[in-house]
N, C-alpha and C. Protein backbone atom coordinates (compact mmCIF):
# COMPACT_ATOMS: atom_id res chain seq x y z
N MET A 1 116.49 37.05 60.53
CA MET A 1 115.64 38.07 61.14
C MET A 1 115.17 39.05 60.08
N ASP A 2 113.89 39.45 60.17
CA ASP A 2 113.39 40.47 59.26
C ASP A 2 114.12 41.79 59.58
N PRO A 3 114.71 42.44 58.57
CA PRO A 3 115.52 43.64 58.84
C PRO A 3 114.72 44.83 59.34
N ILE A 4 113.41 44.82 59.13
CA ILE A 4 112.58 45.95 59.57
C ILE A 4 111.94 45.68 60.92
N THR A 5 111.30 44.53 61.05
CA THR A 5 110.56 44.25 62.29
C THR A 5 111.40 43.51 63.32
N GLY A 6 112.49 42.86 62.88
CA GLY A 6 113.27 42.06 63.80
C GLY A 6 112.67 40.71 64.08
N TYR A 7 111.54 40.38 63.41
CA TYR A 7 110.88 39.10 63.66
C TYR A 7 111.68 37.98 62.99
N PRO A 8 111.88 36.86 63.66
CA PRO A 8 112.69 35.78 63.08
C PRO A 8 111.97 35.07 61.93
N ASP A 9 112.77 34.47 61.05
CA ASP A 9 112.21 33.73 59.91
C ASP A 9 111.68 32.36 60.31
N THR A 10 112.08 31.88 61.45
CA THR A 10 111.63 30.58 61.95
C THR A 10 111.08 30.75 63.37
N CYS A 11 110.37 29.74 63.83
CA CYS A 11 109.81 29.80 65.18
C CYS A 11 110.91 29.77 66.23
N ILE A 12 110.71 30.55 67.28
CA ILE A 12 111.59 30.48 68.44
C ILE A 12 111.25 29.19 69.19
N ALA A 13 112.24 28.47 69.59
CA ALA A 13 112.04 27.18 70.26
C ALA A 13 111.08 27.31 71.44
N GLY A 14 110.08 26.46 71.46
CA GLY A 14 109.14 26.44 72.57
C GLY A 14 108.00 27.42 72.47
N ASP A 15 107.95 28.22 71.41
CA ASP A 15 106.86 29.19 71.25
C ASP A 15 105.58 28.45 70.88
N PRO A 16 104.57 28.42 71.77
CA PRO A 16 103.35 27.65 71.50
C PRO A 16 102.43 28.30 70.48
N LEU A 17 102.73 29.55 70.09
CA LEU A 17 101.86 30.27 69.16
C LEU A 17 102.48 30.41 67.77
N CYS A 18 103.59 29.73 67.52
CA CYS A 18 104.27 29.86 66.23
C CYS A 18 104.24 28.52 65.49
N TYR A 19 103.77 28.57 64.24
CA TYR A 19 103.69 27.37 63.40
C TYR A 19 104.26 27.70 62.03
N GLU A 20 105.08 26.81 61.51
CA GLU A 20 105.81 27.08 60.28
C GLU A 20 105.15 26.43 59.07
N SER A 21 105.54 26.93 57.89
CA SER A 21 105.01 26.38 56.65
C SER A 21 105.98 26.68 55.51
N ASP A 22 106.08 25.74 54.58
CA ASP A 22 106.80 26.01 53.34
C ASP A 22 105.88 25.74 52.14
N GLU A 23 104.56 25.69 52.41
CA GLU A 23 103.57 25.49 51.36
C GLU A 23 102.66 26.70 51.26
N LEU A 24 102.81 27.44 50.18
CA LEU A 24 101.99 28.62 49.94
C LEU A 24 101.44 28.54 48.52
N TYR A 25 100.11 28.66 48.39
CA TYR A 25 99.46 28.55 47.09
C TYR A 25 98.74 29.85 46.75
N ASN A 26 98.83 30.24 45.50
CA ASN A 26 98.18 31.45 44.99
C ASN A 26 97.08 31.02 44.03
N TYR A 27 95.85 31.47 44.28
CA TYR A 27 94.72 31.11 43.44
C TYR A 27 94.82 31.71 42.03
N GLY A 28 95.73 32.66 41.84
CA GLY A 28 95.92 33.27 40.53
C GLY A 28 95.96 34.79 40.57
N PHE A 29 96.13 35.35 41.78
CA PHE A 29 96.19 36.81 41.91
C PHE A 29 97.40 37.37 41.17
N GLU A 30 97.15 38.37 40.30
CA GLU A 30 98.22 39.03 39.56
C GLU A 30 98.02 40.54 39.61
N ASP A 31 98.13 41.09 40.80
CA ASP A 31 98.05 42.54 41.00
C ASP A 31 96.79 43.14 40.39
N PHE A 32 95.66 42.51 40.67
CA PHE A 32 94.33 42.97 40.26
C PHE A 32 94.08 42.88 38.76
N ALA A 33 94.86 42.09 38.06
CA ALA A 33 94.57 41.83 36.64
C ALA A 33 93.21 41.13 36.56
N GLY A 34 92.42 41.47 35.54
CA GLY A 34 91.12 40.85 35.36
C GLY A 34 90.05 41.40 36.28
N PHE A 35 90.34 42.51 36.95
CA PHE A 35 89.40 43.10 37.90
C PHE A 35 87.99 43.21 37.27
N PRO A 36 86.93 42.86 38.01
CA PRO A 36 86.86 42.55 39.44
C PRO A 36 87.12 41.10 39.81
N GLN A 37 87.36 40.23 38.80
CA GLN A 37 87.72 38.84 39.11
C GLN A 37 89.24 38.81 39.32
N THR A 38 89.64 39.10 40.55
CA THR A 38 91.06 39.23 40.85
C THR A 38 91.71 37.95 41.33
N ARG A 39 90.90 36.97 41.71
CA ARG A 39 91.42 35.69 42.23
C ARG A 39 92.32 35.94 43.44
N ASP A 40 91.90 36.85 44.29
CA ASP A 40 92.72 37.31 45.41
C ASP A 40 92.58 36.42 46.64
N VAL A 41 93.06 35.19 46.51
CA VAL A 41 93.04 34.24 47.63
C VAL A 41 94.37 33.50 47.67
N GLY A 42 94.88 33.31 48.87
CA GLY A 42 96.07 32.50 49.07
C GLY A 42 95.78 31.43 50.10
N LEU A 43 96.59 30.40 50.09
CA LEU A 43 96.39 29.28 51.01
C LEU A 43 97.74 28.86 51.58
N VAL A 44 97.82 28.77 52.90
CA VAL A 44 99.04 28.32 53.58
C VAL A 44 98.73 27.00 54.27
N ILE A 45 99.56 25.98 54.01
CA ILE A 45 99.41 24.69 54.67
C ILE A 45 100.49 24.59 55.75
N LEU A 46 100.08 24.56 57.00
CA LEU A 46 101.03 24.50 58.10
C LEU A 46 101.67 23.11 58.18
N GLU A 47 102.93 23.07 58.64
CA GLU A 47 103.61 21.79 58.79
C GLU A 47 102.97 20.93 59.87
N ASP A 48 102.45 21.57 60.90
CA ASP A 48 101.80 20.86 62.00
C ASP A 48 100.46 21.50 62.30
N PRO A 49 99.47 20.70 62.70
CA PRO A 49 98.17 21.28 63.05
C PRO A 49 98.24 22.10 64.34
N VAL A 50 97.44 23.14 64.41
CA VAL A 50 97.35 23.94 65.64
C VAL A 50 96.35 23.25 66.56
N PRO A 51 96.77 22.81 67.74
CA PRO A 51 95.86 22.07 68.62
C PRO A 51 94.81 22.97 69.25
N THR A 52 93.70 22.37 69.63
CA THR A 52 92.62 23.14 70.26
C THR A 52 93.00 23.66 71.64
N SER A 53 94.11 23.21 72.18
CA SER A 53 94.59 23.78 73.44
C SER A 53 95.16 25.18 73.22
N VAL A 54 95.51 25.49 71.97
CA VAL A 54 96.07 26.80 71.63
C VAL A 54 94.99 27.71 71.07
N ILE A 55 94.10 27.16 70.25
CA ILE A 55 93.03 27.95 69.63
C ILE A 55 91.70 27.29 69.97
N SER A 56 90.72 28.09 70.38
CA SER A 56 89.47 27.53 70.88
C SER A 56 88.63 26.89 69.79
N GLU A 57 88.70 27.44 68.56
CA GLU A 57 87.95 26.86 67.45
C GLU A 57 88.57 27.27 66.13
N TYR A 58 88.35 26.47 65.12
CA TYR A 58 88.83 26.78 63.78
C TYR A 58 87.77 27.56 63.02
N GLY A 59 88.21 28.34 62.04
CA GLY A 59 87.26 28.95 61.12
C GLY A 59 86.69 27.89 60.20
N VAL A 60 85.47 28.09 59.75
CA VAL A 60 84.84 27.20 58.79
C VAL A 60 84.38 28.00 57.59
N LEU A 61 84.27 27.33 56.45
CA LEU A 61 83.85 28.00 55.22
C LEU A 61 82.34 27.99 55.08
N ALA A 62 81.81 29.06 54.50
CA ALA A 62 80.40 29.06 54.10
C ALA A 62 80.27 28.27 52.81
N THR A 63 79.14 27.61 52.62
CA THR A 63 78.91 26.84 51.40
C THR A 63 78.82 27.78 50.20
N ALA A 64 79.00 27.21 49.03
CA ALA A 64 78.97 27.99 47.78
C ALA A 64 77.63 28.69 47.61
N GLY A 65 77.71 29.97 47.23
CA GLY A 65 76.50 30.75 46.97
C GLY A 65 75.79 31.28 48.20
N SER A 66 76.39 31.15 49.37
CA SER A 66 75.73 31.59 50.60
C SER A 66 75.36 33.06 50.57
N LEU A 67 76.28 33.91 50.13
CA LEU A 67 75.99 35.34 50.11
C LEU A 67 74.91 35.69 49.09
N ASP A 68 74.88 34.96 47.98
CA ASP A 68 73.82 35.20 46.98
C ASP A 68 72.45 34.88 47.57
N ARG A 69 72.37 33.82 48.36
CA ARG A 69 71.09 33.45 48.97
C ARG A 69 70.65 34.51 49.98
N ILE A 70 71.60 35.07 50.70
CA ILE A 70 71.26 36.12 51.67
C ILE A 70 70.72 37.35 50.96
N SER A 71 71.40 37.77 49.89
CA SER A 71 71.00 38.99 49.21
C SER A 71 69.68 38.83 48.46
N SER A 72 69.29 37.59 48.18
CA SER A 72 68.05 37.37 47.44
C SER A 72 66.84 37.20 48.34
N THR A 73 67.05 37.24 49.67
CA THR A 73 65.93 37.05 50.60
C THR A 73 65.13 38.32 50.81
N GLY A 74 65.67 39.46 50.36
CA GLY A 74 64.95 40.71 50.53
C GLY A 74 65.22 41.39 51.86
N ARG A 75 66.10 40.80 52.69
CA ARG A 75 66.44 41.46 53.95
C ARG A 75 67.18 42.76 53.69
N GLY A 76 66.93 43.77 54.50
CA GLY A 76 67.62 45.04 54.34
C GLY A 76 69.11 44.88 54.56
N ARG A 77 69.89 45.66 53.83
CA ARG A 77 71.34 45.55 53.95
C ARG A 77 71.82 45.86 55.36
N HIS A 78 71.11 46.76 56.04
CA HIS A 78 71.53 47.13 57.40
C HIS A 78 71.39 45.97 58.37
N GLU A 79 70.70 44.90 57.97
CA GLU A 79 70.50 43.76 58.84
C GLU A 79 71.57 42.69 58.66
N VAL A 80 72.39 42.80 57.63
CA VAL A 80 73.39 41.78 57.34
C VAL A 80 74.75 42.27 57.84
N THR A 81 75.26 41.62 58.88
CA THR A 81 76.49 42.04 59.55
C THR A 81 77.65 41.13 59.18
N PHE A 82 78.83 41.73 59.03
CA PHE A 82 80.06 41.00 58.79
C PHE A 82 81.13 41.49 59.77
N THR A 83 82.11 40.65 60.03
CA THR A 83 83.22 41.03 60.91
C THR A 83 84.53 40.76 60.19
N ALA A 84 85.33 41.81 60.02
CA ALA A 84 86.66 41.67 59.43
C ALA A 84 87.70 41.61 60.54
N SER A 85 88.75 40.84 60.29
CA SER A 85 89.80 40.69 61.29
C SER A 85 91.16 40.82 60.61
N GLY A 86 92.08 41.55 61.24
CA GLY A 86 93.40 41.70 60.65
C GLY A 86 94.37 42.41 61.56
N TYR A 87 95.58 42.56 61.07
CA TYR A 87 96.67 43.18 61.83
C TYR A 87 97.09 44.53 61.24
N GLY A 88 96.24 45.11 60.39
CA GLY A 88 96.60 46.33 59.68
C GLY A 88 96.50 47.59 60.53
N LEU A 89 96.63 48.73 59.85
CA LEU A 89 96.54 50.03 60.51
C LEU A 89 95.17 50.21 61.15
N SER A 90 95.12 50.91 62.24
CA SER A 90 93.86 51.22 62.91
C SER A 90 93.29 52.54 62.42
N GLU A 91 94.17 53.42 61.96
CA GLU A 91 93.72 54.71 61.45
C GLU A 91 94.75 55.23 60.45
N SER A 92 94.26 55.85 59.38
CA SER A 92 95.16 56.44 58.39
C SER A 92 94.49 57.66 57.78
N ASN A 93 95.17 58.80 57.88
CA ASN A 93 94.69 60.02 57.24
C ASN A 93 95.90 60.87 56.88
N PRO A 94 95.73 61.99 56.21
CA PRO A 94 96.90 62.75 55.74
C PRO A 94 97.87 63.21 56.82
N VAL A 95 97.43 63.26 58.07
CA VAL A 95 98.32 63.77 59.12
C VAL A 95 98.60 62.77 60.24
N HIS A 96 98.01 61.59 60.16
CA HIS A 96 98.14 60.67 61.29
C HIS A 96 97.98 59.22 60.83
N VAL A 97 98.86 58.36 61.33
CA VAL A 97 98.76 56.91 61.11
C VAL A 97 98.86 56.23 62.48
N GLU A 98 97.97 55.30 62.73
CA GLU A 98 97.99 54.59 64.01
C GLU A 98 97.97 53.09 63.75
N SER A 99 98.89 52.37 64.39
CA SER A 99 98.96 50.92 64.24
C SER A 99 99.25 50.29 65.59
N PHE A 100 98.35 49.41 66.03
CA PHE A 100 98.54 48.72 67.31
C PHE A 100 99.38 47.45 67.14
N ARG A 101 99.56 47.00 65.87
CA ARG A 101 100.30 45.78 65.57
C ARG A 101 99.77 44.59 66.36
N GLU A 102 98.45 44.51 66.42
CA GLU A 102 97.80 43.37 67.05
C GLU A 102 96.52 43.05 66.29
N ARG A 103 96.00 41.85 66.49
CA ARG A 103 94.81 41.43 65.77
C ARG A 103 93.59 42.16 66.32
N LEU A 104 92.91 42.86 65.42
CA LEU A 104 91.70 43.59 65.78
C LEU A 104 90.53 43.11 64.91
N MET A 105 89.33 43.40 65.35
CA MET A 105 88.13 43.02 64.62
C MET A 105 87.20 44.22 64.52
N ALA A 106 86.42 44.28 63.44
CA ALA A 106 85.49 45.38 63.25
C ALA A 106 84.26 44.88 62.50
N THR A 107 83.10 45.35 62.90
CA THR A 107 81.87 44.95 62.23
C THR A 107 81.51 45.95 61.13
N SER A 108 80.81 45.45 60.13
CA SER A 108 80.36 46.28 59.02
C SER A 108 79.05 45.71 58.48
N ARG A 109 78.46 46.43 57.53
CA ARG A 109 77.17 46.03 56.96
C ARG A 109 77.29 45.82 55.46
N LEU A 110 76.48 44.92 54.94
CA LEU A 110 76.45 44.65 53.51
C LEU A 110 76.08 45.90 52.73
N THR A 111 76.86 46.18 51.69
CA THR A 111 76.56 47.29 50.80
C THR A 111 76.17 46.79 49.42
N ASN A 112 77.01 45.89 48.85
CA ASN A 112 76.73 45.46 47.48
C ASN A 112 77.47 44.18 47.12
N LEU A 113 76.82 43.35 46.32
CA LEU A 113 77.44 42.15 45.76
C LEU A 113 77.48 42.18 44.24
N ARG A 114 76.76 43.13 43.62
CA ARG A 114 76.57 43.06 42.17
C ARG A 114 76.85 44.37 41.43
N ASN A 115 77.63 45.28 41.99
CA ASN A 115 77.96 46.48 41.23
C ASN A 115 79.23 46.24 40.42
N SER A 116 79.76 47.25 39.77
CA SER A 116 80.91 47.08 38.89
C SER A 116 82.19 46.71 39.64
N LEU A 117 82.23 46.98 40.93
CA LEU A 117 83.41 46.65 41.73
C LEU A 117 83.34 45.28 42.36
N THR A 118 82.15 44.67 42.34
CA THR A 118 81.97 43.37 42.99
C THR A 118 81.66 42.27 41.98
N SER A 119 80.60 42.43 41.19
CA SER A 119 80.24 41.52 40.11
C SER A 119 80.17 40.05 40.52
N GLY A 120 79.78 39.81 41.76
CA GLY A 120 79.66 38.43 42.22
C GLY A 120 80.95 37.83 42.73
N PHE A 121 82.08 38.52 42.54
CA PHE A 121 83.37 38.01 43.01
C PHE A 121 83.78 38.62 44.35
N ASN A 122 83.32 39.84 44.60
CA ASN A 122 83.73 40.57 45.80
C ASN A 122 82.53 40.95 46.65
N LEU A 123 82.79 41.15 47.92
CA LEU A 123 81.80 41.59 48.90
C LEU A 123 82.13 43.04 49.26
N GLN A 124 81.17 43.95 49.14
CA GLN A 124 81.38 45.33 49.54
C GLN A 124 80.62 45.60 50.81
N THR A 125 81.31 46.14 51.81
CA THR A 125 80.68 46.48 53.09
C THR A 125 81.06 47.90 53.48
N ASN A 126 80.33 48.44 54.45
CA ASN A 126 80.63 49.75 54.99
C ASN A 126 80.58 49.66 56.50
N GLY A 127 81.67 50.09 57.15
CA GLY A 127 81.74 49.96 58.59
C GLY A 127 81.74 51.27 59.35
N ASN A 128 81.59 52.38 58.65
CA ASN A 128 81.59 53.65 59.37
C ASN A 128 80.39 53.76 60.28
N GLY A 129 80.55 54.47 61.38
CA GLY A 129 79.43 54.67 62.30
C GLY A 129 79.79 54.25 63.70
N THR A 130 78.97 54.61 64.65
CA THR A 130 79.21 54.29 66.05
C THR A 130 79.26 52.79 66.26
N GLY A 131 80.32 52.33 66.91
CA GLY A 131 80.46 50.92 67.22
C GLY A 131 80.88 50.06 66.05
N SER A 132 81.15 50.67 64.90
CA SER A 132 81.57 49.91 63.72
C SER A 132 82.94 50.38 63.27
N GLY A 133 83.53 49.64 62.37
CA GLY A 133 84.84 50.01 61.88
C GLY A 133 85.01 49.54 60.45
N GLY A 134 86.22 49.26 60.06
CA GLY A 134 86.48 48.79 58.72
C GLY A 134 87.91 48.31 58.61
N THR A 135 88.28 47.92 57.40
CA THR A 135 89.64 47.45 57.18
C THR A 135 90.54 48.60 56.77
N CYS A 136 91.85 48.35 56.82
CA CYS A 136 92.82 49.38 56.47
C CYS A 136 94.07 48.70 55.92
N SER A 137 95.05 49.48 55.52
CA SER A 137 96.28 48.93 54.96
C SER A 137 96.89 47.91 55.91
N GLY A 138 97.24 46.75 55.38
CA GLY A 138 97.81 45.68 56.20
C GLY A 138 96.81 44.63 56.62
N ASP A 139 95.51 44.88 56.41
CA ASP A 139 94.49 43.89 56.76
C ASP A 139 94.24 42.88 55.64
N SER A 140 94.76 43.17 54.44
CA SER A 140 94.53 42.29 53.30
C SER A 140 94.93 40.85 53.62
N GLY A 141 94.10 39.93 53.20
CA GLY A 141 94.35 38.51 53.46
C GLY A 141 93.67 38.00 54.71
N GLY A 142 93.19 38.91 55.55
CA GLY A 142 92.50 38.50 56.76
C GLY A 142 91.09 38.02 56.46
N PRO A 143 90.52 37.21 57.34
CA PRO A 143 89.19 36.66 57.10
C PRO A 143 88.08 37.68 57.33
N VAL A 144 86.99 37.51 56.58
CA VAL A 144 85.76 38.25 56.81
C VAL A 144 84.71 37.22 57.20
N PHE A 145 84.18 37.36 58.40
CA PHE A 145 83.22 36.41 58.93
C PHE A 145 81.79 36.91 58.73
N TYR A 146 80.88 35.99 58.53
CA TYR A 146 79.46 36.34 58.46
C TYR A 146 78.93 36.43 59.88
N GLY A 147 78.39 37.59 60.24
CA GLY A 147 77.84 37.76 61.58
C GLY A 147 78.71 38.66 62.43
N ASP A 148 78.46 38.59 63.74
CA ASP A 148 79.19 39.46 64.67
C ASP A 148 80.53 38.86 65.05
N THR A 149 81.18 39.43 66.06
CA THR A 149 82.54 39.03 66.42
C THR A 149 82.63 37.63 67.02
N SER A 150 81.49 36.98 67.28
CA SER A 150 81.53 35.61 67.80
C SER A 150 81.51 34.57 66.68
N SER A 151 81.34 35.01 65.44
CA SER A 151 81.22 34.09 64.31
C SER A 151 82.56 33.50 63.90
N ASN A 152 82.55 32.26 63.44
CA ASN A 152 83.74 31.64 62.86
C ASN A 152 83.52 31.22 61.41
N VAL A 153 82.44 31.72 60.77
CA VAL A 153 82.08 31.34 59.40
C VAL A 153 82.70 32.33 58.41
N ILE A 154 83.66 31.86 57.65
CA ILE A 154 84.39 32.72 56.71
C ILE A 154 83.66 32.77 55.38
N VAL A 155 83.40 34.01 54.90
CA VAL A 155 82.72 34.19 53.62
C VAL A 155 83.59 34.92 52.61
N ALA A 156 84.70 35.53 53.06
CA ALA A 156 85.53 36.31 52.15
C ALA A 156 86.89 36.57 52.79
N VAL A 157 87.79 37.13 51.98
CA VAL A 157 89.13 37.51 52.42
C VAL A 157 89.34 38.98 52.07
N THR A 158 89.74 39.78 53.03
CA THR A 158 89.94 41.21 52.80
C THR A 158 90.87 41.44 51.61
N SER A 159 90.44 42.32 50.68
CA SER A 159 91.18 42.49 49.44
C SER A 159 91.62 43.93 49.19
N PHE A 160 90.69 44.89 49.12
CA PHE A 160 91.09 46.25 48.76
C PHE A 160 90.11 47.28 49.29
N GLY A 161 90.52 48.55 49.27
CA GLY A 161 89.67 49.68 49.60
C GLY A 161 89.73 50.69 48.47
N LEU A 162 89.00 51.78 48.60
CA LEU A 162 88.94 52.76 47.52
C LEU A 162 89.98 53.87 47.64
N ASN A 163 90.58 54.01 48.83
CA ASN A 163 91.61 55.04 48.99
C ASN A 163 92.54 54.64 50.13
N ALA A 164 93.54 55.47 50.36
CA ALA A 164 94.56 55.16 51.38
C ALA A 164 94.13 55.56 52.78
N TRP A 165 92.96 56.18 52.93
CA TRP A 165 92.59 56.75 54.22
C TRP A 165 91.61 55.89 55.00
N CYS A 166 91.29 54.70 54.51
CA CYS A 166 90.54 53.71 55.30
C CYS A 166 89.23 54.28 55.82
N ARG A 167 88.36 54.66 54.91
CA ARG A 167 87.11 55.32 55.27
C ARG A 167 86.01 54.36 55.70
N GLY A 168 86.28 53.07 55.68
CA GLY A 168 85.25 52.12 56.10
C GLY A 168 84.50 51.48 54.96
N VAL A 169 84.79 51.87 53.72
CA VAL A 169 84.21 51.21 52.55
C VAL A 169 85.18 50.12 52.13
N ASP A 170 84.81 48.87 52.33
CA ASP A 170 85.75 47.76 52.22
C ASP A 170 85.29 46.74 51.18
N PHE A 171 86.27 46.08 50.58
CA PHE A 171 85.99 45.04 49.59
C PHE A 171 86.79 43.78 49.95
N ALA A 172 86.13 42.65 49.85
CA ALA A 172 86.76 41.38 50.16
C ALA A 172 86.43 40.36 49.07
N TYR A 173 87.40 39.51 48.76
CA TYR A 173 87.19 38.49 47.72
C TYR A 173 86.42 37.32 48.32
N ARG A 174 85.33 36.96 47.67
CA ARG A 174 84.42 35.95 48.22
C ARG A 174 85.00 34.53 48.16
N THR A 175 84.91 33.83 49.27
CA THR A 175 85.32 32.43 49.32
C THR A 175 84.14 31.48 49.14
N ASP A 176 82.92 32.02 49.08
CA ASP A 176 81.74 31.17 48.91
C ASP A 176 81.44 30.97 47.41
N GLN A 177 82.49 30.71 46.64
CA GLN A 177 82.36 30.44 45.21
C GLN A 177 82.77 28.98 44.96
N ASP A 178 82.03 28.30 44.09
CA ASP A 178 82.32 26.89 43.80
C ASP A 178 83.79 26.67 43.44
N ASP A 179 84.32 27.52 42.53
CA ASP A 179 85.69 27.33 42.06
C ASP A 179 86.72 27.55 43.17
N VAL A 180 86.46 28.51 44.04
CA VAL A 180 87.38 28.77 45.15
C VAL A 180 87.38 27.60 46.13
N ILE A 181 86.21 27.12 46.47
CA ILE A 181 86.11 25.99 47.40
C ILE A 181 86.80 24.76 46.80
N ALA A 182 86.57 24.50 45.51
CA ALA A 182 87.21 23.36 44.86
C ALA A 182 88.73 23.48 44.89
N TRP A 183 89.24 24.71 44.69
CA TRP A 183 90.68 24.96 44.72
C TRP A 183 91.25 24.72 46.12
N ILE A 184 90.54 25.18 47.13
CA ILE A 184 90.99 24.95 48.52
C ILE A 184 91.06 23.46 48.81
N LEU A 185 90.02 22.73 48.43
CA LEU A 185 90.00 21.29 48.69
C LEU A 185 91.09 20.56 47.90
N GLU A 186 91.37 21.03 46.70
CA GLU A 186 92.41 20.42 45.87
C GLU A 186 93.78 20.49 46.54
N HIS A 187 94.05 21.60 47.23
CA HIS A 187 95.37 21.80 47.83
C HIS A 187 95.43 21.41 49.31
N ALA A 188 94.29 21.19 49.92
CA ALA A 188 94.28 20.77 51.32
C ALA A 188 94.80 19.34 51.43
N PRO A 189 95.43 18.99 52.54
CA PRO A 189 95.86 17.60 52.72
C PRO A 189 94.68 16.64 52.57
N ALA A 190 94.92 15.52 51.95
CA ALA A 190 93.84 14.57 51.65
C ALA A 190 93.07 14.17 52.91
N ASN A 191 93.77 14.03 54.03
CA ASN A 191 93.10 13.60 55.25
C ASN A 191 92.30 14.71 55.93
N GLU A 192 92.37 15.94 55.39
CA GLU A 192 91.62 17.07 55.96
C GLU A 192 90.38 17.42 55.15
N ARG A 193 90.29 16.96 53.91
CA ARG A 193 89.24 17.41 53.00
C ARG A 193 87.84 17.07 53.50
N GLU A 194 87.63 15.86 53.94
CA GLU A 194 86.30 15.47 54.41
C GLU A 194 85.85 16.32 55.59
N GLY A 195 86.80 16.61 56.49
CA GLY A 195 86.47 17.44 57.64
C GLY A 195 86.10 18.86 57.25
N ILE A 196 86.82 19.41 56.27
CA ILE A 196 86.52 20.76 55.78
C ILE A 196 85.10 20.81 55.22
N ILE A 197 84.77 19.81 54.41
CA ILE A 197 83.44 19.77 53.78
C ILE A 197 82.35 19.59 54.83
N SER A 198 82.57 18.70 55.79
CA SER A 198 81.52 18.41 56.78
C SER A 198 81.25 19.59 57.70
N ARG A 199 82.23 20.49 57.87
CA ARG A 199 82.04 21.63 58.77
C ARG A 199 81.54 22.88 58.06
N MET A 200 81.43 22.84 56.73
CA MET A 200 80.97 24.00 56.00
C MET A 200 79.54 24.37 56.42
N VAL A 201 79.24 25.67 56.41
CA VAL A 201 77.97 26.17 56.92
C VAL A 201 77.16 26.81 55.79
N ALA A 202 75.92 26.42 55.66
CA ALA A 202 75.00 27.06 54.71
C ALA A 202 74.29 28.18 55.42
N LEU A 203 74.44 29.39 54.96
CA LEU A 203 73.86 30.56 55.64
C LEU A 203 72.38 30.70 55.33
């Protein structure tokens, strides 16, 4: 049992929402060494597949360079929507911390792909404003989807923010990079690779 949360290290017998793994791969993340190329991606291979009776659909990857093609079309940044999902804090400020300890989602807008903090490796978004949100401590590693909350197209993984107060300025490590996709396919089970490739989405 985890000494803090009390959560067990293994699945409780008969729990239909618990799946185990002893395969964890690190793309090369070393505490932000080499920033902004942090290689902040991990991969978990489950021992058993999650059936569609438990989950309505799987996430799919965007093809390589998808975000670059979007930013080169000349569309205004306010028109490009992303959705982050995670289990992190809902609010954090000097006098108050709020955590629902459940999976939440928040929409945000494209801010930058090519500044000194992104440099083609990271996606910068801003979610402040009515009806929008952002990521916070504990959301790292969660998926960032292209589009609204109905999207299942993954373009990045939540990575870092600029301060501890979760102001809605968010950064995620892009998964729409040739090297990242090749690394995912290299470690995916051989019988899953063709399916991963065939379901990838060009934005």
